[in-house]
Amino acid sequence: MRLALGIRYNGQAYEGWQSQRSGRTVQDKLEAALAKFAADPSGRIGTLCAGRTDAGVHALMQVVHFDTEIEREPFSWMRGTNRFLPDDIAVQWAQPVPDEFHCRASALARRYLYVLSQSPVRPSLDSGRVGWSMHPLDGDAMRKAAAVLIGTHDFSSFRASACQAKSPVKNLRCIEVTRVGDGERCRWHFEFEADAFLHHMIRNLMGCLVRIGRGDERPEWIAEVLEARSRKVAAPTFSADGLYFLGPLYDAKWGLPAEATLQAGGAPYDGPP
């Protein structure tokens, strides 16, 4: 039987999603919890995820799948696994899926959110959960720059040197820039949707958008960066603190919950994390 899980986690305490020798990753914690719940003698159940997240990056809906011969109700997999997970990781749902389903290859789109605090004072209670700009940002300038990025492009200028993607060409379908609150203290939400993303792509895009928002570069500069196809011309990689994986989107035929199903315009982000 193949089972899909929806996972939510706070990434501050972990070295990213992918398993490491240290054992301090989300995948390590999840696989150990699954094995404990299933009483698997190996002590581990292998999983695959829809999108690997870096150290400090959070997820509102990571989707994983794994194969098992153990037959239990989906509700039992959710509650039972959560019993053995740390407080900052929780299974949101469990769903049997056909053997042909693959959490990564079957995804039609992926979505991320970046939450940025605009304030003269650095974050305290929200430390590690939001990015920060001490300078006021120009929303119109950032939206104008973001519009240039929409479509199918070579995003080499926004690609980390360690990226393992076969091609830098991606279809960036949407960037929505929304201000929440008035005055010098507010929040900015940046929502991204694409067929797939390169390693550090969003954080590198954020670095450029914030530079434009501060007035350090004009909006047209983003086109020059895109066309250069060189990481050297772009802004530095922005902080991981405010980055959230909103999750992948799938065809309705797989029978996954509505928040993981591709709909007109994609499933909306429904509030601050």
Protein backbone atom coordinates (compact mmCIF):
# COMPACT_ATOMS: atom_id res chain seq x y z
CA MET A 1 0.00 0.00 0.00
CA ARG A 2 1.21 3.51 -0.81
CA LEU A 3 0.34 6.24 1.66
CA ALA A 4 0.60 10.02 1.25
CA LEU A 5 0.97 12.36 4.23
CA GLY A 6 0.58 16.12 4.58
CA ILE A 7 3.18 17.49 7.02
CA ARG A 8 3.49 20.88 8.71
CA TYR A 9 6.69 21.93 10.49
CA ASN A 10 8.65 24.80 11.95
CA GLY A 11 12.11 24.49 10.43
CA GLN A 12 14.09 26.55 12.94
CA ALA A 13 15.53 23.59 14.85
CA TYR A 14 16.42 21.47 11.82
CA GLU A 15 19.10 21.17 9.16
CA GLY A 16 16.47 21.15 6.43
CA TRP A 17 14.28 18.34 5.18
CA GLN A 18 16.77 15.83 3.77
CA SER A 19 18.25 13.18 6.04
CA GLN A 20 21.75 13.88 7.41
CA ARG A 21 24.21 11.92 9.54
CA SER A 22 23.44 14.24 12.45
CA GLY A 23 19.83 13.05 12.47
CA ARG A 24 18.68 16.65 12.97
CA THR A 25 16.43 16.91 9.92
CA VAL A 26 12.68 16.77 9.43
CA GLN A 27 12.96 13.61 7.36
CA ASP A 28 14.95 11.86 10.10
CA LYS A 29 12.36 12.76 12.72
CA LEU A 30 9.41 11.74 10.54
CA GLU A 31 10.86 8.40 9.46
CA ALA A 32 11.77 7.48 13.03
CA ALA A 33 8.25 8.37 14.22
CA LEU A 34 6.64 6.32 11.44
CA ALA A 35 8.78 3.31 12.35
CA LYS A 36 7.86 3.59 16.03
CA PHE A 37 4.17 3.79 15.25
CA ALA A 38 4.34 0.89 12.80
CA ALA A 39 6.64 -1.11 15.10
CA ASP A 40 8.96 -1.63 12.15
CA PRO A 41 11.99 -3.70 13.27
CA SER A 42 14.31 -1.71 10.98
CA GLY A 43 13.65 1.40 13.08
CA ARG A 44 13.00 3.49 9.98
CA ILE A 45 10.45 3.79 7.17
CA GLY A 46 11.80 5.50 4.05
CA THR A 47 9.90 8.48 2.66
CA LEU A 48 10.06 10.74 -0.38
CA CYS A 49 8.96 14.39 -0.29
CA ALA A 50 7.45 16.80 -2.80
CA GLY A 51 10.02 19.54 -2.22
CA ARG A 52 13.17 19.53 -0.09
CA THR A 53 13.46 22.55 2.20
CA ASP A 54 16.68 24.11 3.48
CA ALA A 55 17.76 24.65 7.07
CA GLY A 56 15.44 27.12 8.80
CA VAL A 57 12.72 26.90 6.13
CA HIS A 58 9.20 26.01 7.27
CA ALA A 59 6.39 24.05 5.64
CA LEU A 60 2.64 24.53 5.86
CA MET A 61 2.00 21.49 3.66
CA GLN A 62 4.91 19.25 2.79
CA VAL A 63 3.63 16.11 1.03
CA VAL A 64 5.43 12.79 1.37
CA HIS A 65 4.70 9.24 0.34
CA PHE A 66 5.93 5.82 1.41
CA ASP A 67 5.08 2.16 0.85
CA THR A 68 4.02 -0.16 3.64
CA GLU A 69 2.40 -3.56 4.11
CA ILE A 70 0.76 -2.39 7.33
CA GLU A 71 -2.94 -1.64 6.91
CA ARG A 72 -4.38 0.88 9.34
CA GLU A 73 -6.96 3.62 9.05
CA PRO A 74 -5.60 6.95 7.72
CA PHE A 75 -6.70 8.64 10.94
CA SER A 76 -4.59 6.15 12.90
CA TRP A 77 -1.49 6.91 10.82
CA MET A 78 -1.94 10.63 11.49
CA ARG A 79 -2.57 10.40 15.23
CA GLY A 80 -0.16 7.55 15.84
CA THR A 81 2.77 9.15 14.03
CA ASN A 82 2.19 12.51 15.73
CA ARG A 83 2.53 10.76 19.08
CA PHE A 84 6.23 10.15 18.33
CA LEU A 85 7.04 13.47 16.61
CA PRO A 86 8.49 16.56 18.30
CA ASP A 87 6.09 19.42 18.95
CA ASP A 88 7.26 21.45 15.94
CA ILE A 89 6.39 18.74 13.38
CA ALA A 90 2.88 17.35 12.85
CA VAL A 91 1.11 15.17 10.30
CA GLN A 92 -2.00 17.02 9.10
CA TRP A 93 -3.60 14.21 7.09
CA ALA A 94 -2.95 10.72 5.72
CA GLN A 95 -4.40 9.33 2.50
CA PRO A 96 -3.97 6.00 0.65
CA VAL A 97 -2.98 6.64 -2.98
CA PRO A 98 -2.49 4.48 -6.09
CA ASP A 99 0.94 2.93 -6.60
CA GLU A 100 1.40 5.24 -9.60
CA PHE A 101 1.29 8.33 -7.40
CA HIS A 102 4.64 10.00 -6.73
CA CYS A 103 4.67 13.02 -4.42
CA ARG A 104 7.38 14.76 -6.47
CA ALA A 105 6.82 13.58 -10.05
CA SER A 106 3.01 13.84 -9.87
CA ALA A 107 3.03 17.46 -8.65
CA LEU A 108 1.72 19.93 -11.23
CA ALA A 109 2.85 23.03 -9.35
CA ARG A 110 4.56 24.13 -6.15
CA ARG A 111 3.88 27.17 -4.00
CA TYR A 112 5.93 29.13 -1.48
CA LEU A 113 5.26 32.06 0.80
CA TYR A 114 7.78 34.55 2.13
CA VAL A 115 6.67 36.57 5.17
CA LEU A 116 8.65 39.78 5.67
CA SER A 117 8.45 42.12 8.64
CA GLN A 118 8.99 45.81 7.84
CA SER A 119 10.03 47.49 11.08
CA PRO A 120 12.77 49.75 12.43
CA VAL A 121 13.34 47.09 15.12
CA ARG A 122 14.39 43.49 14.39
CA PRO A 123 11.87 40.66 15.08
CA SER A 124 11.79 39.23 18.60
CA LEU A 125 8.73 37.04 19.25
CA ASP A 126 8.69 36.16 15.54
CA SER A 127 12.45 35.61 15.32
CA GLY A 128 13.16 32.77 12.90
CA ARG A 129 9.64 32.90 11.47
CA VAL A 130 9.77 36.12 9.43
CA GLY A 131 12.32 37.91 7.30
CA TRP A 132 13.14 41.53 8.13
CA SER A 133 13.61 44.88 6.46
CA MET A 134 14.37 47.89 8.61
CA HIS A 135 13.70 50.14 5.61
CA PRO A 136 10.24 51.00 4.18
CA LEU A 137 9.46 49.11 0.98
CA ASP A 138 7.74 50.30 -2.20
CA GLY A 139 5.07 47.74 -3.07
CA ASP A 140 4.39 49.12 -6.55
CA ALA A 141 8.07 48.92 -7.48
CA MET A 142 8.32 45.31 -6.27
CA ARG A 143 5.14 44.31 -8.13
CA LYS A 144 6.43 45.92 -11.32
CA ALA A 145 9.67 43.96 -11.03
CA ALA A 146 7.84 40.74 -10.17
CA ALA A 147 5.73 41.02 -13.34
CA VAL A 148 8.90 40.78 -15.43
CA LEU A 149 9.69 37.39 -13.91
CA ILE A 150 6.36 35.76 -14.77
CA GLY A 151 6.55 33.15 -17.50
CA THR A 152 9.06 30.57 -18.70
CA HIS A 153 12.64 31.79 -18.28
CA ASP A 154 16.19 30.68 -17.67
CA PHE A 155 16.56 31.50 -13.95
CA SER A 156 20.32 30.86 -13.75
CA SER A 157 20.84 34.26 -12.07
CA PHE A 158 18.74 33.02 -9.15
CA ARG A 159 20.21 29.53 -8.88
CA ALA A 160 22.52 28.35 -6.09
CA SER A 161 25.86 26.87 -7.14
CA ALA A 162 24.92 23.58 -5.45
CA CYS A 163 21.64 23.26 -7.38
CA GLN A 164 21.16 19.78 -8.87
CA ALA A 165 18.28 20.61 -11.22
CA LYS A 166 18.82 19.36 -14.76
CA SER A 167 17.66 22.65 -16.27
CA PRO A 168 17.50 26.26 -15.03
CA VAL A 169 14.41 26.87 -17.16
CA LYS A 170 11.25 27.08 -15.05
CA ASN A 171 7.73 28.39 -15.53
CA LEU A 172 7.05 30.97 -12.82
CA ARG A 173 3.27 31.28 -12.96
CA CYS A 174 2.52 33.82 -10.25
CA ILE A 175 4.08 36.25 -7.79
CA GLU A 176 1.68 38.10 -5.51
CA VAL A 177 3.01 40.91 -3.31
CA THR A 178 0.63 41.94 -0.53
CA ARG A 179 1.08 44.46 2.25
CA VAL A 180 -0.57 43.65 5.59
CA GLY A 181 -0.97 46.68 7.88
CA ASP A 182 -0.17 50.38 7.60
CA GLY A 183 2.53 52.67 8.88
CA GLU A 184 6.23 52.01 9.23
CA ARG A 185 5.55 48.66 10.93
CA CYS A 186 3.79 46.15 8.69
CA ARG A 187 4.18 42.78 7.05
CA TRP A 188 4.68 41.85 3.42
CA HIS A 189 3.53 38.53 1.99
CA PHE A 190 5.20 37.28 -1.21
CA GLU A 191 3.47 34.25 -2.74
CA PHE A 192 5.22 32.29 -5.52
CA GLU A 193 3.83 29.54 -7.75
CA ALA A 194 5.79 27.64 -10.41
CA ASP A 195 6.03 24.23 -12.00
CA ALA A 196 9.23 23.77 -9.97
CA PHE A 197 11.91 25.88 -8.28
CA LEU A 198 15.69 25.88 -8.31
CA HIS A 199 17.80 25.61 -5.17
CA HIS A 200 17.64 28.97 -3.31
CA MET A 201 15.62 30.44 -6.19
CA ILE A 202 13.00 32.14 -4.02
CA ARG A 203 15.51 33.49 -1.51
CA ASN A 204 17.55 34.90 -4.39
CA LEU A 205 14.45 36.43 -5.96
CA MET A 206 13.58 37.93 -2.57
CA GLY A 207 17.02 39.51 -2.31
CA CYS A 208 16.44 41.31 -5.60
CA LEU A 209 12.83 42.30 -4.88
CA VAL A 210 13.74 43.77 -1.50
CA ARG A 211 16.64 45.69 -3.00
CA ILE A 212 14.19 47.20 -5.50
CA GLY A 213 11.62 47.83 -2.77
CA ARG A 214 14.18 49.80 -0.76
CA GLY A 215 14.92 51.95 -3.81
CA ASP A 216 18.49 50.69 -4.22
CA GLU A 217 17.67 49.54 -7.76
CA ARG A 218 14.98 50.50 -10.25
CA PRO A 219 12.33 47.88 -11.17
CA GLU A 220 13.80 47.49 -14.67
CA TRP A 221 17.02 46.16 -13.12
CA ILE A 222 15.38 42.77 -12.57
CA ALA A 223 15.22 42.22 -16.34
CA GLU A 224 18.97 42.85 -16.58
CA VAL A 225 19.61 40.30 -13.84
CA LEU A 226 17.36 37.73 -15.51
CA GLU A 227 18.98 38.19 -18.92
CA ALA A 228 22.52 37.99 -17.52
CA ARG A 229 22.01 34.35 -16.46
CA SER A 230 24.72 34.84 -13.88
CA ARG A 231 24.41 34.60 -10.11
CA LYS A 232 27.14 37.24 -9.78
CA VAL A 233 24.89 40.09 -10.91
CA ALA A 234 21.98 39.40 -8.53
CA ALA A 235 21.49 40.46 -4.91
CA PRO A 236 22.75 38.27 -2.04
CA THR A 237 20.62 35.32 -0.95
CA PHE A 238 17.93 36.52 1.47
CA SER A 239 17.33 35.02 4.92
CA ALA A 240 15.59 31.62 5.19
CA ASP A 241 13.66 32.77 8.26
CA GLY A 242 10.45 33.89 6.55
CA LEU A 243 10.22 31.18 3.88
CA TYR A 244 7.32 28.70 3.99
CA PHE A 245 6.63 25.82 1.62
CA LEU A 246 2.89 26.16 1.01
CA GLY A 247 2.94 22.82 -0.74
CA PRO A 248 2.55 21.08 -4.08
CA LEU A 249 -0.63 20.90 -6.12
CA TYR A 250 -1.92 17.72 -7.78
CA ASP A 251 -4.58 16.55 -10.19
CA ALA A 252 -7.87 15.78 -8.44
CA LYS A 253 -7.70 12.19 -9.70
CA TRP A 254 -5.33 11.27 -6.85
CA GLY A 255 -8.04 11.95 -4.27
CA LEU A 256 -5.90 14.12 -1.99
CA PRO A 257 -7.36 16.79 0.32
CA ALA A 258 -8.58 20.01 -1.31
CA GLU A 259 -5.57 22.05 -0.17
CA ALA A 260 -3.30 19.75 -2.24
CA THR A 261 -5.49 19.75 -5.36
CA LEU A 262 -4.94 22.04 -8.32
CA GLN A 263 -7.88 24.40 -8.68
CA ALA A 264 -8.52 27.57 -10.65
CA GLY A 265 -5.80 29.93 -9.47
CA GLY A 266 -4.43 27.36 -7.03
CA ALA A 267 -5.43 26.80 -3.43
CA PRO A 268 -5.27 30.13 -1.59
CA TYR A 269 -3.06 30.98 1.35
CA ASP A 270 -5.53 31.41 4.22
CA GLY A 271 -3.71 33.50 6.83
CA PRO A 272 -0.44 34.16 8.59
CA PRO A 273 1.57 31.17 9.86
